[in-house]
N, C-alpha and C. Protein backbone atom coordinates (compact mmCIF):
# COMPACT_ATOMS: atom_id res chain seq x y z
N MET A 1 6.80 -4.20 -8.57
CA MET A 1 7.96 -3.97 -7.75
C MET A 1 9.03 -4.96 -8.17
N THR A 2 10.25 -4.48 -8.23
CA THR A 2 11.36 -5.36 -8.58
C THR A 2 12.44 -5.23 -7.52
N GLY A 3 13.33 -6.18 -7.51
CA GLY A 3 14.45 -6.17 -6.58
C GLY A 3 14.73 -7.58 -6.11
N SER A 4 15.70 -7.70 -5.23
CA SER A 4 16.03 -9.02 -4.69
C SER A 4 14.86 -9.51 -3.84
N GLU A 5 14.83 -10.80 -3.62
CA GLU A 5 13.76 -11.37 -2.78
C GLU A 5 13.76 -10.73 -1.40
N ALA A 6 14.93 -10.50 -0.83
CA ALA A 6 15.03 -9.89 0.50
C ALA A 6 14.50 -8.46 0.49
N ALA A 7 14.83 -7.69 -0.56
CA ALA A 7 14.38 -6.30 -0.64
C ALA A 7 12.86 -6.22 -0.80
N VAL A 8 12.31 -7.10 -1.63
CA VAL A 8 10.86 -7.12 -1.83
C VAL A 8 10.16 -7.51 -0.53
N ARG A 9 10.69 -8.51 0.16
CA ARG A 9 10.11 -8.94 1.44
C ARG A 9 10.15 -7.81 2.46
N GLN A 10 11.26 -7.09 2.52
CA GLN A 10 11.39 -5.99 3.48
C GLN A 10 10.37 -4.88 3.18
N ALA A 11 10.24 -4.51 1.92
CA ALA A 11 9.27 -3.48 1.55
C ALA A 11 7.84 -3.95 1.80
N ALA A 12 7.55 -5.19 1.45
CA ALA A 12 6.21 -5.73 1.67
C ALA A 12 5.86 -5.76 3.15
N ASP A 13 6.81 -6.16 3.98
CA ASP A 13 6.57 -6.18 5.42
C ASP A 13 6.37 -4.77 5.96
N ALA A 14 7.18 -3.83 5.50
CA ALA A 14 7.08 -2.45 5.99
C ALA A 14 5.73 -1.83 5.66
N TYR A 15 5.18 -2.17 4.50
CA TYR A 15 3.92 -1.58 4.07
C TYR A 15 2.74 -2.53 4.18
N LYS A 16 2.94 -3.64 4.91
CA LYS A 16 1.88 -4.59 5.20
C LYS A 16 1.19 -5.13 3.94
N VAL A 17 2.01 -5.47 2.95
CA VAL A 17 1.51 -6.00 1.68
C VAL A 17 1.51 -7.52 1.73
N PHE A 18 0.38 -8.12 1.41
CA PHE A 18 0.30 -9.57 1.26
C PHE A 18 0.75 -9.90 -0.16
N HIS A 19 1.58 -10.90 -0.30
CA HIS A 19 1.95 -11.38 -1.64
C HIS A 19 2.31 -12.85 -1.57
N GLU A 20 2.04 -13.53 -2.66
CA GLU A 20 2.31 -14.97 -2.73
C GLU A 20 2.53 -15.35 -4.19
N THR A 21 3.54 -16.15 -4.42
CA THR A 21 3.81 -16.65 -5.77
C THR A 21 3.22 -18.05 -5.89
N SER A 22 2.51 -18.29 -6.98
CA SER A 22 1.95 -19.62 -7.21
C SER A 22 2.25 -20.04 -8.64
N LEU A 23 2.23 -21.33 -8.87
CA LEU A 23 2.46 -21.87 -10.21
C LEU A 23 1.14 -21.96 -10.95
N ARG A 24 1.15 -21.50 -12.20
CA ARG A 24 -0.03 -21.59 -13.06
C ARG A 24 -0.05 -22.95 -13.75
N SER A 25 -1.18 -23.32 -14.30
CA SER A 25 -1.31 -24.61 -14.97
C SER A 25 -0.41 -24.71 -16.20
N ASP A 26 -0.03 -23.55 -16.79
CA ASP A 26 0.85 -23.58 -17.97
C ASP A 26 2.33 -23.60 -17.59
N GLY A 27 2.62 -23.70 -16.29
CA GLY A 27 4.00 -23.76 -15.82
C GLY A 27 4.59 -22.41 -15.45
N GLY A 28 3.89 -21.34 -15.78
CA GLY A 28 4.36 -20.00 -15.42
C GLY A 28 4.07 -19.69 -13.96
N ARG A 29 4.48 -18.52 -13.54
CA ARG A 29 4.24 -18.10 -12.17
C ARG A 29 3.23 -16.96 -12.15
N ALA A 30 2.42 -16.94 -11.11
CA ALA A 30 1.48 -15.84 -10.88
C ALA A 30 1.81 -15.25 -9.52
N ILE A 31 1.78 -13.96 -9.42
CA ILE A 31 2.02 -13.30 -8.14
C ILE A 31 0.72 -12.65 -7.70
N GLU A 32 0.17 -13.19 -6.64
CA GLU A 32 -1.04 -12.64 -6.04
C GLU A 32 -0.60 -11.61 -5.01
N HIS A 33 -1.30 -10.49 -4.96
CA HIS A 33 -0.92 -9.46 -3.98
C HIS A 33 -2.13 -8.64 -3.59
N SER A 34 -2.01 -7.96 -2.46
CA SER A 34 -3.09 -7.09 -2.02
C SER A 34 -3.18 -5.89 -2.95
N ALA A 35 -4.35 -5.28 -3.00
CA ALA A 35 -4.58 -4.16 -3.92
C ALA A 35 -5.07 -2.94 -3.15
N PHE A 36 -4.41 -2.63 -2.08
CA PHE A 36 -4.79 -1.48 -1.27
C PHE A 36 -4.11 -0.21 -1.77
N THR A 37 -4.73 0.92 -1.49
CA THR A 37 -4.08 2.22 -1.68
C THR A 37 -3.58 2.63 -0.31
N TYR A 38 -2.29 2.92 -0.21
CA TYR A 38 -1.68 3.21 1.08
C TYR A 38 -1.65 4.70 1.36
N LEU A 39 -1.87 5.06 2.62
CA LEU A 39 -1.79 6.44 3.08
C LEU A 39 -0.48 6.58 3.85
N MET A 40 0.37 7.46 3.34
CA MET A 40 1.69 7.67 3.94
C MET A 40 1.82 9.14 4.32
N ASP A 41 2.64 9.44 5.33
CA ASP A 41 2.90 10.84 5.63
C ASP A 41 4.06 11.33 4.76
N ARG A 42 4.42 12.60 4.92
CA ARG A 42 5.46 13.19 4.06
C ARG A 42 6.82 12.51 4.23
N SER A 43 7.06 11.89 5.38
CA SER A 43 8.35 11.22 5.61
C SER A 43 8.32 9.76 5.17
N GLY A 44 7.18 9.30 4.66
CA GLY A 44 7.07 7.92 4.19
C GLY A 44 6.56 6.95 5.23
N ALA A 45 6.17 7.45 6.40
CA ALA A 45 5.64 6.58 7.45
C ALA A 45 4.21 6.14 7.09
N TYR A 46 3.92 4.91 7.38
CA TYR A 46 2.61 4.31 7.10
C TYR A 46 1.56 4.89 8.04
N LEU A 47 0.46 5.39 7.49
CA LEU A 47 -0.64 5.91 8.29
C LEU A 47 -1.89 5.04 8.22
N GLY A 48 -2.03 4.30 7.15
CA GLY A 48 -3.21 3.46 6.98
C GLY A 48 -3.37 3.05 5.54
N PHE A 49 -4.54 2.50 5.22
CA PHE A 49 -4.78 2.05 3.85
C PHE A 49 -6.25 2.16 3.51
N PHE A 50 -6.53 2.13 2.22
CA PHE A 50 -7.89 2.12 1.70
C PHE A 50 -8.06 0.81 0.93
N PRO A 51 -8.99 -0.04 1.36
CA PRO A 51 -9.23 -1.28 0.62
C PRO A 51 -9.82 -0.99 -0.76
N PRO A 52 -9.71 -1.95 -1.67
CA PRO A 52 -10.34 -1.77 -2.98
C PRO A 52 -11.84 -1.47 -2.79
N GLY A 53 -12.34 -0.54 -3.58
CA GLY A 53 -13.75 -0.19 -3.50
C GLY A 53 -14.08 0.91 -2.52
N THR A 54 -13.07 1.43 -1.80
CA THR A 54 -13.33 2.52 -0.87
C THR A 54 -13.82 3.73 -1.65
N SER A 55 -14.91 4.31 -1.22
CA SER A 55 -15.48 5.45 -1.94
C SER A 55 -14.62 6.70 -1.74
N ALA A 56 -14.74 7.61 -2.67
CA ALA A 56 -14.02 8.89 -2.57
C ALA A 56 -14.45 9.63 -1.31
N GLU A 57 -15.71 9.55 -0.96
CA GLU A 57 -16.21 10.23 0.24
C GLU A 57 -15.55 9.67 1.49
N ARG A 58 -15.41 8.35 1.57
CA ARG A 58 -14.76 7.72 2.73
C ARG A 58 -13.29 8.10 2.79
N MET A 59 -12.61 8.10 1.63
CA MET A 59 -11.20 8.51 1.60
C MET A 59 -11.06 9.94 2.11
N LEU A 60 -11.94 10.82 1.66
CA LEU A 60 -11.87 12.22 2.08
C LEU A 60 -12.07 12.36 3.58
N THR A 61 -12.99 11.59 4.14
CA THR A 61 -13.22 11.61 5.59
C THR A 61 -11.95 11.23 6.34
N ILE A 62 -11.24 10.25 5.84
CA ILE A 62 -10.01 9.79 6.49
C ILE A 62 -8.86 10.76 6.24
N LEU A 63 -8.79 11.34 5.05
CA LEU A 63 -7.69 12.24 4.70
C LEU A 63 -7.78 13.60 5.38
N ARG A 64 -8.98 14.12 5.57
CA ARG A 64 -9.13 15.48 6.10
C ARG A 64 -8.33 15.76 7.36
N PRO A 65 -8.38 14.91 8.39
CA PRO A 65 -7.60 15.21 9.60
C PRO A 65 -6.09 15.28 9.34
N HIS A 66 -5.60 14.47 8.43
CA HIS A 66 -4.17 14.49 8.11
C HIS A 66 -3.80 15.77 7.36
N LEU A 67 -4.67 16.21 6.48
CA LEU A 67 -4.42 17.45 5.75
C LEU A 67 -4.52 18.66 6.67
N ALA A 68 -5.45 18.64 7.61
CA ALA A 68 -5.62 19.74 8.55
C ALA A 68 -4.42 19.86 9.49
N ALA A 69 -3.75 18.75 9.75
CA ALA A 69 -2.60 18.75 10.67
C ALA A 69 -1.34 19.30 10.02
N ARG A 70 -1.35 19.47 8.70
CA ARG A 70 -0.18 19.98 7.98
C ARG A 70 0.02 21.45 8.25
N PRO A 71 1.24 21.88 8.53
CA PRO A 71 1.51 23.31 8.69
C PRO A 71 1.16 24.07 7.41
N ALA A 72 0.64 25.28 7.56
CA ALA A 72 0.21 26.10 6.42
C ALA A 72 1.35 26.43 5.48
N SER A 73 2.59 26.43 5.95
CA SER A 73 3.74 26.80 5.11
C SER A 73 4.14 25.70 4.15
N GLU A 74 3.58 24.51 4.28
CA GLU A 74 3.96 23.40 3.39
C GLU A 74 3.09 23.35 2.16
């Protein structure tokens, strides 16, 4: 993700992303961040997340109700 510090902070807060910049031993910077897959609705609203390692079966269990709620015309 790129942008101004304020824009990145706003997006991270909106999507509940943890991030932190730290200095490496070689003087460079490292950006640590969460590695979740986010579940959003069609309008971009946050519905939830899948932590790293979530199985496909678990994702499907969570996704099914959201897919069933979609109107057939979409």
